[in-house]
Amino acid sequence: MRHRKSFNHLGRTSSHRKAMLSNMAASLILHKRITTTVAKAKALRSYVEPLITKSKDDTTHSRRVAFSYLQSKEAVTELFREIAKKVGDRPGGYTRILKLGNRLGDNADMAMMELVDFNETLLAEKATAKGKTSRRRRGGKKKAAETDVTSKTPAPVAEDVKAEAKEEPSEAETKIEDTTSEKKVEAKDEGKMVETKEENNEDKKEDTKE
């Protein structure tokens, strides 16, 4: 009975399944990429990722534990020398499963399983994408250029405004000029009136003397 056995048996006995997963894990460690069915890839992920985590602690005990699962000296040396260096900063998630479609014949779901840190093309694309990203707005350059132009040429504008102010007198000045001219005219008229009065008085005095 398979009560409370949640893992995938893959249609094999326990010994057959363990041998198959051990062989697939060694192939993945040596070649960094294998092609298999989606079900086998998911089962292999839970089998090989704990071994990669254990490779971060390079001791004799961890090497013996890895060898008990892999049964390959070459795979163990590759795991502790090469893979452990690249995977040192990654906190889990060492493998990637890419679906490839259905297989001809039995129509099984196929997938490619690879180690994440050994896919050079994706790593290069991510590096270029990080280099190109910028958080500036699109109109930032135009606004900066406009501000530079306005900051460089403020003096001529002020001079033009002053010249226009000098050429065009204000309404208050024109009113003051009008009032002063009117006062001058009134003063002249009063002066003429006084002169005429004095002449009349002199004529009267001469008439009385005669």
N, C-alpha and C. Protein backbone atom coordinates (compact mmCIF):
# COMPACT_ATOMS: atom_id res chain seq x y z
N MET A 1 0.84 -1.20 0.00
CA MET A 1 0.00 0.00 0.00
C MET A 1 0.88 1.26 0.00
N ARG A 2 0.41 2.29 -0.64
CA ARG A 2 1.18 3.54 -0.72
C ARG A 2 0.57 4.62 0.17
N HIS A 3 0.06 4.27 1.28
CA HIS A 3 -0.56 5.26 2.16
C HIS A 3 0.48 6.27 2.65
N ARG A 4 0.13 7.60 2.48
CA ARG A 4 0.95 8.72 2.95
C ARG A 4 2.34 8.75 2.31
N LYS A 5 2.45 8.19 1.12
CA LYS A 5 3.70 8.29 0.35
C LYS A 5 3.45 9.30 -0.77
N SER A 6 3.88 10.56 -0.55
CA SER A 6 3.51 11.64 -1.46
C SER A 6 4.45 11.80 -2.64
N PHE A 7 5.60 11.11 -2.64
CA PHE A 7 6.55 11.29 -3.74
C PHE A 7 6.12 10.44 -4.94
N ASN A 8 6.71 10.75 -6.09
CA ASN A 8 6.38 10.04 -7.32
C ASN A 8 7.23 8.77 -7.42
N HIS A 9 6.56 7.63 -7.56
CA HIS A 9 7.27 6.35 -7.65
C HIS A 9 7.89 6.13 -9.03
N LEU A 10 7.42 6.88 -10.02
CA LEU A 10 7.97 6.82 -11.38
C LEU A 10 7.82 5.43 -12.00
N GLY A 11 6.87 4.65 -11.51
CA GLY A 11 6.62 3.32 -12.09
C GLY A 11 7.75 2.35 -11.90
N ARG A 12 8.55 2.50 -10.84
CA ARG A 12 9.72 1.65 -10.62
C ARG A 12 9.75 1.18 -9.16
N THR A 13 10.53 0.17 -8.92
CA THR A 13 10.74 -0.28 -7.55
C THR A 13 11.67 0.68 -6.82
N SER A 14 11.78 0.52 -5.53
CA SER A 14 12.60 1.43 -4.73
C SER A 14 14.06 1.38 -5.15
N SER A 15 14.61 0.17 -5.35
CA SER A 15 16.03 0.05 -5.71
C SER A 15 16.28 0.61 -7.11
N HIS A 16 15.35 0.32 -8.04
CA HIS A 16 15.49 0.83 -9.41
C HIS A 16 15.43 2.36 -9.42
N ARG A 17 14.50 2.92 -8.64
CA ARG A 17 14.34 4.37 -8.60
C ARG A 17 15.57 5.05 -8.00
N LYS A 18 16.13 4.51 -6.92
CA LYS A 18 17.32 5.10 -6.30
C LYS A 18 18.52 5.05 -7.23
N ALA A 19 18.69 3.94 -7.93
CA ALA A 19 19.81 3.82 -8.87
C ALA A 19 19.67 4.80 -10.02
N MET A 20 18.44 4.94 -10.52
CA MET A 20 18.21 5.86 -11.64
C MET A 20 18.47 7.31 -11.22
N LEU A 21 17.98 7.73 -10.07
CA LEU A 21 18.19 9.10 -9.61
C LEU A 21 19.67 9.36 -9.32
N SER A 22 20.37 8.36 -8.78
CA SER A 22 21.81 8.53 -8.54
C SER A 22 22.57 8.74 -9.84
N ASN A 23 22.21 7.95 -10.85
CA ASN A 23 22.87 8.08 -12.16
C ASN A 23 22.56 9.43 -12.80
N MET A 24 21.30 9.87 -12.72
CA MET A 24 20.92 11.16 -13.31
C MET A 24 21.57 12.32 -12.58
N ALA A 25 21.71 12.24 -11.26
CA ALA A 25 22.35 13.30 -10.49
C ALA A 25 23.82 13.42 -10.85
N ALA A 26 24.51 12.28 -11.01
CA ALA A 26 25.91 12.31 -11.41
C ALA A 26 26.07 12.90 -12.80
N SER A 27 25.16 12.56 -13.73
CA SER A 27 25.23 13.12 -15.08
C SER A 27 25.00 14.63 -15.06
N LEU A 28 24.05 15.09 -14.24
CA LEU A 28 23.78 16.53 -14.14
C LEU A 28 24.98 17.28 -13.58
N ILE A 29 25.65 16.70 -12.59
CA ILE A 29 26.80 17.37 -11.99
C ILE A 29 27.98 17.42 -12.96
N LEU A 30 28.18 16.36 -13.73
CA LEU A 30 29.32 16.33 -14.66
C LEU A 30 29.07 17.16 -15.91
N HIS A 31 27.86 17.13 -16.46
CA HIS A 31 27.57 17.78 -17.75
C HIS A 31 26.81 19.10 -17.59
N LYS A 32 26.32 19.39 -16.38
CA LYS A 32 25.62 20.65 -16.06
C LYS A 32 24.27 20.80 -16.74
N ARG A 33 23.88 19.86 -17.60
CA ARG A 33 22.60 19.96 -18.31
C ARG A 33 22.23 18.57 -18.84
N ILE A 34 20.98 18.15 -18.60
CA ILE A 34 20.50 16.87 -19.12
C ILE A 34 19.08 17.06 -19.64
N THR A 35 18.64 16.14 -20.51
CA THR A 35 17.29 16.14 -21.05
C THR A 35 16.58 14.88 -20.59
N THR A 36 15.41 15.06 -20.01
CA THR A 36 14.63 13.94 -19.47
C THR A 36 13.16 14.33 -19.45
N THR A 37 12.32 13.48 -18.87
CA THR A 37 10.90 13.81 -18.77
C THR A 37 10.68 14.78 -17.60
N VAL A 38 9.53 15.46 -17.62
CA VAL A 38 9.23 16.45 -16.59
C VAL A 38 9.10 15.78 -15.23
N ALA A 39 8.48 14.61 -15.17
CA ALA A 39 8.30 13.90 -13.90
C ALA A 39 9.64 13.50 -13.29
N LYS A 40 10.54 12.99 -14.11
CA LYS A 40 11.86 12.59 -13.61
C LYS A 40 12.67 13.82 -13.19
N ALA A 41 12.53 14.92 -13.91
CA ALA A 41 13.27 16.13 -13.56
C ALA A 41 12.82 16.67 -12.21
N LYS A 42 11.52 16.65 -11.95
CA LYS A 42 11.02 17.12 -10.65
C LYS A 42 11.48 16.22 -9.52
N ALA A 43 11.52 14.90 -9.77
CA ALA A 43 12.01 13.98 -8.74
C ALA A 43 13.50 14.17 -8.51
N LEU A 44 14.24 14.44 -9.59
CA LEU A 44 15.69 14.63 -9.46
C LEU A 44 16.02 15.92 -8.72
N ARG A 45 15.19 16.94 -8.88
CA ARG A 45 15.45 18.21 -8.20
C ARG A 45 15.47 18.05 -6.68
N SER A 46 14.51 17.31 -6.15
CA SER A 46 14.50 17.09 -4.70
C SER A 46 15.58 16.12 -4.25
N TYR A 47 16.22 15.43 -5.19
CA TYR A 47 17.29 14.49 -4.86
C TYR A 47 18.67 15.16 -4.87
N VAL A 48 18.90 16.06 -5.85
CA VAL A 48 20.24 16.60 -6.05
C VAL A 48 20.48 17.91 -5.32
N GLU A 49 19.44 18.70 -5.07
CA GLU A 49 19.66 20.01 -4.44
C GLU A 49 20.16 19.90 -2.99
N PRO A 50 19.70 18.97 -2.17
CA PRO A 50 20.32 18.81 -0.84
C PRO A 50 21.80 18.44 -0.91
N LEU A 51 22.20 17.70 -1.95
CA LEU A 51 23.62 17.37 -2.10
C LEU A 51 24.44 18.62 -2.43
N ILE A 52 23.88 19.51 -3.26
CA ILE A 52 24.60 20.75 -3.60
C ILE A 52 24.72 21.64 -2.36
N THR A 53 23.69 21.67 -1.55
CA THR A 53 23.78 22.44 -0.29
C THR A 53 24.85 21.87 0.63
N LYS A 54 24.95 20.57 0.68
CA LYS A 54 25.96 19.92 1.53
C LYS A 54 27.37 20.16 1.01
N SER A 55 27.52 20.42 -0.28
CA SER A 55 28.86 20.64 -0.84
C SER A 55 29.46 21.96 -0.38
N LYS A 56 28.65 22.89 0.16
CA LYS A 56 29.19 24.16 0.66
C LYS A 56 30.09 23.94 1.87
N ASP A 57 29.86 22.86 2.60
CA ASP A 57 30.70 22.51 3.76
C ASP A 57 31.65 21.40 3.32
N ASP A 58 32.87 21.78 2.92
CA ASP A 58 33.82 20.82 2.34
C ASP A 58 34.57 20.11 3.47
N THR A 59 33.96 19.06 3.96
CA THR A 59 34.59 18.22 4.98
C THR A 59 34.57 16.77 4.51
N THR A 60 35.32 15.93 5.20
CA THR A 60 35.37 14.51 4.85
C THR A 60 34.02 13.84 5.04
N HIS A 61 33.32 14.22 6.08
CA HIS A 61 32.00 13.63 6.33
C HIS A 61 31.02 13.97 5.22
N SER A 62 30.98 15.26 4.80
CA SER A 62 30.04 15.66 3.74
C SER A 62 30.40 15.01 2.41
N ARG A 63 31.68 14.79 2.16
CA ARG A 63 32.09 14.10 0.94
C ARG A 63 31.63 12.64 0.96
N ARG A 64 31.72 12.00 2.10
CA ARG A 64 31.30 10.60 2.19
C ARG A 64 29.78 10.47 2.04
N VAL A 65 29.03 11.45 2.59
CA VAL A 65 27.58 11.42 2.43
C VAL A 65 27.21 11.61 0.96
N ALA A 66 27.87 12.55 0.28
CA ALA A 66 27.59 12.77 -1.14
C ALA A 66 27.94 11.54 -1.97
N PHE A 67 29.04 10.87 -1.62
CA PHE A 67 29.43 9.68 -2.37
C PHE A 67 28.43 8.54 -2.16
N SER A 68 27.82 8.46 -0.98
CA SER A 68 26.82 7.41 -0.74
C SER A 68 25.59 7.59 -1.63
N TYR A 69 25.31 8.83 -2.04
CA TYR A 69 24.18 9.08 -2.92
C TYR A 69 24.57 8.98 -4.40
N LEU A 70 25.75 9.46 -4.75
CA LEU A 70 26.14 9.55 -6.16
C LEU A 70 26.86 8.29 -6.67
N GLN A 71 27.63 7.64 -5.82
CA GLN A 71 28.40 6.44 -6.20
C GLN A 71 29.33 6.72 -7.38
N SER A 72 29.94 7.92 -7.37
CA SER A 72 30.87 8.30 -8.44
C SER A 72 31.89 9.27 -7.87
N LYS A 73 33.17 8.88 -7.93
CA LYS A 73 34.22 9.75 -7.40
C LYS A 73 34.36 11.02 -8.24
N GLU A 74 34.24 10.87 -9.56
CA GLU A 74 34.37 12.03 -10.44
C GLU A 74 33.28 13.06 -10.15
N ALA A 75 32.06 12.58 -9.94
CA ALA A 75 30.95 13.50 -9.65
C ALA A 75 31.15 14.20 -8.30
N VAL A 76 31.69 13.48 -7.33
CA VAL A 76 31.91 14.09 -6.01
C VAL A 76 32.98 15.16 -6.09
N THR A 77 34.10 14.89 -6.77
CA THR A 77 35.15 15.90 -6.89
C THR A 77 34.66 17.12 -7.68
N GLU A 78 33.89 16.91 -8.74
CA GLU A 78 33.34 18.04 -9.51
C GLU A 78 32.37 18.85 -8.65
N LEU A 79 31.59 18.17 -7.82
CA LEU A 79 30.62 18.85 -6.97
C LEU A 79 31.30 19.74 -5.95
N PHE A 80 32.36 19.27 -5.31
CA PHE A 80 33.00 20.02 -4.23
C PHE A 80 34.04 21.03 -4.73
N ARG A 81 34.58 20.83 -5.94
CA ARG A 81 35.60 21.75 -6.45
C ARG A 81 35.01 22.87 -7.28
N GLU A 82 34.17 22.52 -8.24
CA GLU A 82 33.68 23.52 -9.21
C GLU A 82 32.31 24.09 -8.83
N ILE A 83 31.36 23.21 -8.57
CA ILE A 83 29.99 23.67 -8.35
C ILE A 83 29.86 24.43 -7.04
N ALA A 84 30.53 23.95 -5.98
CA ALA A 84 30.42 24.61 -4.68
C ALA A 84 30.92 26.06 -4.72
N LYS A 85 31.92 26.36 -5.57
CA LYS A 85 32.44 27.73 -5.67
C LYS A 85 31.41 28.68 -6.28
N LYS A 86 30.76 28.22 -7.36
CA LYS A 86 29.80 29.10 -8.04
C LYS A 86 28.49 29.24 -7.27
N VAL A 87 28.15 28.23 -6.52
CA VAL A 87 26.86 28.21 -5.85
C VAL A 87 26.95 28.76 -4.43
N GLY A 88 28.13 29.20 -4.01
CA GLY A 88 28.35 29.58 -2.62
C GLY A 88 27.39 30.64 -2.09
N ASP A 89 27.04 31.64 -2.91
CA ASP A 89 26.20 32.75 -2.44
C ASP A 89 24.71 32.52 -2.67
N ARG A 90 24.34 31.44 -3.34
CA ARG A 90 22.93 31.22 -3.68
C ARG A 90 22.24 30.42 -2.57
N PRO A 91 21.15 30.95 -2.01
CA PRO A 91 20.45 30.24 -0.91
C PRO A 91 19.37 29.29 -1.43
N GLY A 92 19.76 28.26 -2.16
CA GLY A 92 18.79 27.30 -2.69
C GLY A 92 18.40 27.64 -4.11
N GLY A 93 17.62 26.75 -4.73
CA GLY A 93 17.19 26.96 -6.12
C GLY A 93 18.34 26.84 -7.10
N TYR A 94 19.08 25.74 -7.03
CA TYR A 94 20.28 25.59 -7.84
C TYR A 94 19.99 25.09 -9.26
N THR A 95 18.81 24.53 -9.48
CA THR A 95 18.49 23.93 -10.78
C THR A 95 17.33 24.67 -11.44
N ARG A 96 17.25 24.50 -12.76
CA ARG A 96 16.18 25.10 -13.55
C ARG A 96 15.62 24.04 -14.49
N ILE A 97 14.29 23.98 -14.60
CA ILE A 97 13.62 23.02 -15.47
C ILE A 97 12.94 23.79 -16.59
N LEU A 98 13.32 23.50 -17.84
CA LEU A 98 12.75 24.15 -19.02
C LEU A 98 12.00 23.10 -19.84
N LYS A 99 10.72 23.34 -20.05
CA LYS A 99 9.91 22.36 -20.79
C LYS A 99 10.20 22.47 -22.29
N LEU A 100 10.26 21.31 -22.92
CA LEU A 100 10.62 21.24 -24.35
C LEU A 100 9.50 20.74 -25.24
N GLY A 101 8.34 20.46 -24.69
CA GLY A 101 7.26 19.91 -25.50
C GLY A 101 7.12 18.41 -25.30
N ASN A 102 6.41 17.76 -26.21
CA ASN A 102 6.11 16.34 -26.10
C ASN A 102 7.05 15.51 -26.97
N ARG A 103 7.35 14.31 -26.47
CA ARG A 103 8.26 13.40 -27.17
C ARG A 103 7.49 12.60 -28.22
N LEU A 104 8.11 12.39 -29.37
CA LEU A 104 7.51 11.57 -30.42
C LEU A 104 7.46 10.11 -29.95
N GLY A 105 6.39 9.45 -30.25
CA GLY A 105 6.26 8.04 -29.86
C GLY A 105 5.25 7.88 -28.74
N ASP A 106 5.65 8.20 -27.49
CA ASP A 106 4.74 8.05 -26.35
C ASP A 106 4.13 9.37 -25.90
N ASN A 107 4.49 10.49 -26.55
CA ASN A 107 3.92 11.81 -26.26
C ASN A 107 4.18 12.26 -24.82
N ALA A 108 5.34 11.88 -24.26
CA ALA A 108 5.67 12.27 -22.88
C ALA A 108 6.16 13.71 -22.85
N ASP A 109 5.88 14.39 -21.73
CA ASP A 109 6.34 15.77 -21.54
C ASP A 109 7.84 15.76 -21.29
N MET A 110 8.59 16.43 -22.18
CA MET A 110 10.05 16.46 -22.06
C MET A 110 10.49 17.80 -21.47
N ALA A 111 11.66 17.75 -20.82
CA ALA A 111 12.19 18.96 -20.19
C ALA A 111 13.71 18.89 -20.18
N MET A 112 14.33 20.06 -20.14
CA MET A 112 15.78 20.16 -19.99
C MET A 112 16.07 20.70 -18.60
N MET A 113 16.89 19.99 -17.85
CA MET A 113 17.24 20.40 -16.49
C MET A 113 18.69 20.84 -16.48
N GLU A 114 18.97 21.99 -15.88
CA GLU A 114 20.32 22.53 -15.88
C GLU A 114 20.61 23.20 -14.55
N LEU A 115 21.90 23.41 -14.30
CA LEU A 115 22.34 24.16 -13.13
C LEU A 115 22.28 25.65 -13.46
N VAL A 116 21.70 26.42 -12.57
CA VAL A 116 21.41 27.84 -12.86
C VAL A 116 22.69 28.63 -13.09
N ASP A 117 23.72 28.41 -12.30
CA ASP A 117 24.93 29.24 -12.36
C ASP A 117 25.87 28.85 -13.49
N PHE A 118 25.52 27.85 -14.29
CA PHE A 118 26.39 27.44 -15.39
C PHE A 118 25.78 27.74 -16.76
N ASN A 119 24.70 28.49 -16.80
CA ASN A 119 24.13 28.92 -18.07
C ASN A 119 24.70 30.30 -18.39
N GLU A 120 25.75 30.33 -19.20
CA GLU A 120 26.50 31.57 -19.44
C GLU A 120 25.68 32.59 -20.23
N THR A 121 24.83 32.12 -21.15
CA THR A 121 24.07 33.06 -21.99
C THR A 121 23.08 33.87 -21.15
N LEU A 122 22.34 33.20 -20.27
CA LEU A 122 21.39 33.92 -19.43
C LEU A 122 22.09 34.85 -18.45
N LEU A 123 23.23 34.43 -17.92
CA LEU A 123 23.97 35.29 -17.00
C LEU A 123 24.47 36.54 -17.70
N ALA A 124 24.94 36.38 -18.97
CA ALA A 124 25.41 37.55 -19.72
C ALA A 124 24.26 38.50 -20.02
N GLU A 125 23.09 37.96 -20.38
CA GLU A 125 21.94 38.82 -20.66
C GLU A 125 21.51 39.60 -19.41
N LYS A 126 21.52 38.94 -18.25
CA LYS A 126 21.15 39.63 -17.02
C LYS A 126 22.14 40.74 -16.69
N ALA A 127 23.44 40.48 -16.95
CA ALA A 127 24.45 41.51 -16.66
C ALA A 127 24.25 42.73 -17.54
N THR A 128 23.98 42.52 -18.84
CA THR A 128 23.74 43.65 -19.74
C THR A 128 22.47 44.40 -19.37
N ALA A 129 21.44 43.65 -18.97
CA ALA A 129 20.19 44.31 -18.57
C ALA A 129 20.39 45.16 -17.33
N LYS A 130 21.18 44.71 -16.38
CA LYS A 130 21.46 45.50 -15.20
C LYS A 130 22.25 46.75 -15.54
N GLY A 131 23.19 46.63 -16.51
CA GLY A 131 23.98 47.80 -16.90
C GLY A 131 23.17 48.86 -17.61
N LYS A 132 22.13 48.47 -18.35
CA LYS A 132 21.34 49.42 -19.13
C LYS A 132 20.25 50.09 -18.32
N THR A 133 19.83 49.51 -17.20
CA THR A 133 18.71 50.07 -16.45
C THR A 133 19.09 51.42 -15.87
N SER A 134 18.16 52.36 -15.97
CA SER A 134 18.32 53.69 -15.37
C SER A 134 16.97 54.15 -14.86
N ARG A 135 16.97 54.93 -13.80
CA ARG A 135 15.74 55.37 -13.17
C ARG A 135 15.42 56.82 -13.48
N ARG A 136 15.99 57.36 -14.55
CA ARG A 136 15.70 58.74 -14.92
C ARG A 136 14.42 58.80 -15.73
N ARG A 137 13.78 59.94 -15.71
CA ARG A 137 12.61 60.13 -16.54
C ARG A 137 13.03 60.50 -17.95
N ARG A 138 12.10 60.35 -18.88
CA ARG A 138 12.43 60.58 -20.29
C ARG A 138 12.74 62.04 -20.58
N GLY A 139 11.99 62.96 -19.96
CA GLY A 139 12.19 64.38 -20.25
C GLY A 139 13.24 65.04 -19.39
N GLY A 140 14.06 64.26 -18.72
CA GLY A 140 15.04 64.85 -17.81
C GLY A 140 16.11 65.64 -18.53
N LYS A 141 16.61 65.10 -19.67
CA LYS A 141 17.68 65.78 -20.41
C LYS A 141 17.19 67.10 -20.99
N LYS A 142 15.96 67.09 -21.55
CA LYS A 142 15.44 68.32 -22.14
C LYS A 142 15.26 69.41 -21.09
N LYS A 143 14.71 69.03 -19.95
CA LYS A 143 14.51 70.01 -18.89
C LYS A 143 15.82 70.56 -18.39
N ALA A 144 16.83 69.70 -18.27
CA ALA A 144 18.14 70.16 -17.81
C ALA A 144 18.75 71.13 -18.80
N ALA A 145 18.60 70.84 -20.12
CA ALA A 145 19.14 71.74 -21.14
C ALA A 145 18.45 73.09 -21.10
N GLU A 146 17.12 73.09 -20.92
CA GLU A 146 16.39 74.36 -20.86
C GLU A 146 16.83 75.19 -19.66
N THR A 147 16.98 74.54 -18.53
CA THR A 147 17.40 75.27 -17.33
C THR A 147 18.80 75.84 -17.49
N ASP A 148 19.70 75.08 -18.17
CA ASP A 148 21.04 75.59 -18.41
C ASP A 148 21.01 76.84 -19.27
N VAL A 149 20.19 76.82 -20.33
CA VAL A 149 20.11 77.96 -21.24
C VAL A 149 19.58 79.19 -20.51
N THR A 150 18.52 79.01 -19.72
CA THR A 150 17.95 80.15 -19.01
C THR A 150 18.90 80.69 -17.94
N SER A 151 19.65 79.78 -17.30
CA SER A 151 20.58 80.25 -16.26
C SER A 151 21.78 80.97 -16.87
N LYS A 152 22.16 80.59 -18.09
CA LYS A 152 23.31 81.23 -18.72
C LYS A 152 22.99 82.62 -19.24
N THR A 153 21.76 82.91 -19.69
CA THR A 153 21.43 84.20 -20.31
C THR A 153 20.30 84.91 -19.57
N PRO A 154 20.51 85.30 -18.29
CA PRO A 154 19.46 86.10 -17.65
C PRO A 154 19.69 87.60 -17.80
N ALA A 155 20.99 88.06 -17.97
CA ALA A 155 21.32 89.48 -17.96
C ALA A 155 20.73 90.23 -19.15
N PRO A 156 20.83 89.78 -20.40
CA PRO A 156 20.27 90.53 -21.52
C PRO A 156 18.79 90.78 -21.38
N VAL A 157 18.07 89.82 -20.82
CA VAL A 157 16.63 90.00 -20.67
C VAL A 157 16.34 91.15 -19.72
N ALA A 158 17.11 91.22 -18.63
CA ALA A 158 16.91 92.31 -17.66
C ALA A 158 17.24 93.67 -18.29
N GLU A 159 18.32 93.71 -19.10
CA GLU A 159 18.69 94.96 -19.75
C GLU A 159 17.61 95.43 -20.72
N ASP A 160 17.03 94.48 -21.48
CA ASP A 160 15.96 94.85 -22.40
C ASP A 160 14.76 95.41 -21.65
N VAL A 161 14.44 94.79 -20.53
CA VAL A 161 13.30 95.29 -19.76
C VAL A 161 13.57 96.71 -19.27
N LYS A 162 14.82 96.97 -18.79
CA LYS A 162 15.16 98.31 -18.34
C LYS A 162 15.08 99.32 -19.48
N ALA A 163 15.57 98.95 -20.67
CA ALA A 163 15.53 99.85 -21.81
C ALA A 163 14.09 100.19 -22.18
N GLU A 164 13.22 99.18 -22.18
CA GLU A 164 11.82 99.43 -22.50
C GLU A 164 11.19 100.34 -21.45
N ALA A 165 11.58 100.12 -20.19
CA ALA A 165 11.02 100.98 -19.13
C ALA A 165 11.45 102.43 -19.32
N LYS A 166 12.71 102.65 -19.76
CA LYS A 166 13.18 104.01 -20.00
C LYS A 166 12.47 104.64 -21.18
N GLU A 167 12.28 103.88 -22.24
CA GLU A 167 11.67 104.45 -23.44
C GLU A 167 10.21 104.80 -23.20
N GLU A 168 9.46 103.95 -22.50
CA GLU A 168 8.05 104.17 -22.32
C GLU A 168 7.82 104.71 -20.91
N PRO A 169 7.54 106.03 -20.75
CA PRO A 169 7.29 106.59 -19.41
C PRO A 169 5.96 106.08 -18.87
N SER A 170 5.89 106.04 -17.59
CA SER A 170 4.69 105.52 -16.95
C SER A 170 3.57 106.55 -17.00
N GLU A 171 2.34 106.11 -16.68
CA GLU A 171 1.17 107.00 -16.70
C GLU A 171 1.28 108.07 -15.62
N ALA A 172 1.86 107.72 -14.48
CA ALA A 172 2.00 108.71 -13.39
C ALA A 172 2.90 109.86 -13.82
N GLU A 173 4.00 109.52 -14.52
CA GLU A 173 4.91 110.58 -14.97
C GLU A 173 4.23 111.49 -15.97
N THR A 174 3.45 110.91 -16.90
CA THR A 174 2.75 111.73 -17.89
C THR A 174 1.74 112.66 -17.21
N LYS A 175 1.03 112.13 -16.15
CA LYS A 175 0.07 112.98 -15.45
C LYS A 175 0.77 114.13 -14.74
N ILE A 176 1.93 113.84 -14.13
CA ILE A 176 2.67 114.90 -13.43
C ILE A 176 3.13 115.98 -14.41
N GLU A 177 3.60 115.56 -15.58
CA GLU A 177 4.02 116.54 -16.58
C GLU A 177 2.85 117.40 -17.03
N ASP A 178 1.68 116.78 -17.22
CA ASP A 178 0.51 117.55 -17.66
C ASP A 178 0.12 118.59 -16.60
N THR A 179 0.12 118.18 -15.34
CA THR A 179 -0.27 119.12 -14.27
C THR A 179 0.72 120.28 -14.17
N THR A 180 2.02 120.00 -14.31
CA THR A 180 3.02 121.07 -14.23
C THR A 180 2.86 122.05 -15.38
N SER A 181 2.59 121.55 -16.59
CA SER A 181 2.40 122.45 -17.73
C SER A 181 1.16 123.32 -17.53
N GLU A 182 0.07 122.73 -16.97
CA GLU A 182 -1.14 123.52 -16.73
C GLU A 182 -0.87 124.62 -15.71
N LYS A 183 -0.11 124.26 -14.64
CA LYS A 183 0.21 125.27 -13.63
C LYS A 183 1.02 126.41 -14.23
N LYS A 184 1.97 126.05 -15.11
CA LYS A 184 2.78 127.10 -15.75
C LYS A 184 1.89 128.04 -16.58
N VAL A 185 0.95 127.45 -17.32
CA VAL A 185 0.06 128.28 -18.13
C VAL A 185 -0.79 129.19 -17.25
N GLU A 186 -1.30 128.66 -16.15
CA GLU A 186 -2.10 129.48 -15.24
C GLU A 186 -1.28 130.62 -14.64
N ALA A 187 -0.01 130.31 -14.27
CA ALA A 187 0.85 131.35 -13.69
C ALA A 187 1.10 132.47 -14.71
N LYS A 188 1.30 132.07 -15.98
CA LYS A 188 1.51 133.09 -17.01
C LYS A 188 0.27 133.96 -17.16
N ASP A 189 -0.90 133.31 -17.15
CA ASP A 189 -2.14 134.09 -17.29
C ASP A 189 -2.32 135.06 -16.12
N GLU A 190 -2.02 134.61 -14.91
CA GLU A 190 -2.15 135.48 -13.76
C GLU A 190 -1.17 136.66 -13.85
N GLY A 191 0.04 136.36 -14.32
CA GLY A 191 1.02 137.45 -14.48
C GLY A 191 0.53 138.51 -15.46
N LYS A 192 -0.10 138.05 -16.55
CA LYS A 192 -0.63 139.01 -17.53
C LYS A 192 -1.76 139.85 -16.92
N MET A 193 -2.61 139.21 -16.15
CA MET A 193 -3.72 139.93 -15.51
C MET A 193 -3.20 141.00 -14.55
N VAL A 194 -2.19 140.65 -13.78
CA VAL A 194 -1.63 141.63 -12.84
C VAL A 194 -1.03 142.82 -13.59
N GLU A 195 -0.33 142.57 -14.68
CA GLU A 195 0.25 143.65 -15.47
C GLU A 195 -0.83 144.59 -16.02
N THR A 196 -1.90 144.02 -16.51
CA THR A 196 -2.99 144.85 -17.07
C THR A 196 -3.63 145.71 -15.98
N LYS A 197 -3.80 145.10 -14.76
CA LYS A 197 -4.38 145.87 -13.67
C LYS A 197 -3.48 147.04 -13.29
N GLU A 198 -2.17 146.79 -13.23
CA GLU A 198 -1.24 147.86 -12.88
C GLU A 198 -1.29 148.99 -13.93
N GLU A 199 -1.36 148.63 -15.18
CA GLU A 199 -1.45 149.65 -16.23
C GLU A 199 -2.72 150.50 -16.10
N ASN A 200 -3.82 149.84 -15.79
CA ASN A 200 -5.09 150.59 -15.61
C ASN A 200 -5.01 151.55 -14.43
N ASN A 201 -4.38 151.08 -13.36
CA ASN A 201 -4.25 151.95 -12.20
C ASN A 201 -3.38 153.17 -12.51
N GLU A 202 -2.32 152.95 -13.25
CA GLU A 202 -1.46 154.07 -13.61
C GLU A 202 -2.22 155.10 -14.50
N ASP A 203 -3.04 154.57 -15.41
CA ASP A 203 -3.80 155.47 -16.29
C ASP A 203 -4.81 156.32 -15.47
N LYS A 204 -5.44 155.68 -14.48
CA LYS A 204 -6.38 156.40 -13.64
C LYS A 204 -5.69 157.53 -12.86
N LYS A 205 -4.48 157.17 -12.32
CA LYS A 205 -3.74 158.18 -11.56
C LYS A 205 -3.37 159.37 -12.43
N GLU A 206 -2.98 159.15 -13.64
CA GLU A 206 -2.60 160.25 -14.55
C GLU A 206 -3.82 161.12 -14.86
N ASP A 207 -4.99 160.45 -14.99
CA ASP A 207 -6.21 161.23 -15.32
C ASP A 207 -6.60 162.13 -14.13
N THR A 208 -6.46 161.63 -12.95
CA THR A 208 -6.83 162.42 -11.77
C THR A 208 -5.90 163.60 -11.60
N LYS A 209 -4.60 163.47 -11.91
CA LYS A 209 -3.66 164.56 -11.82
C LYS A 209 -4.01 165.64 -12.81
N GLU A 210 -4.38 165.32 -13.92
CA GLU A 210 -4.72 166.35 -14.92
C GLU A 210 -6.00 167.09 -14.52
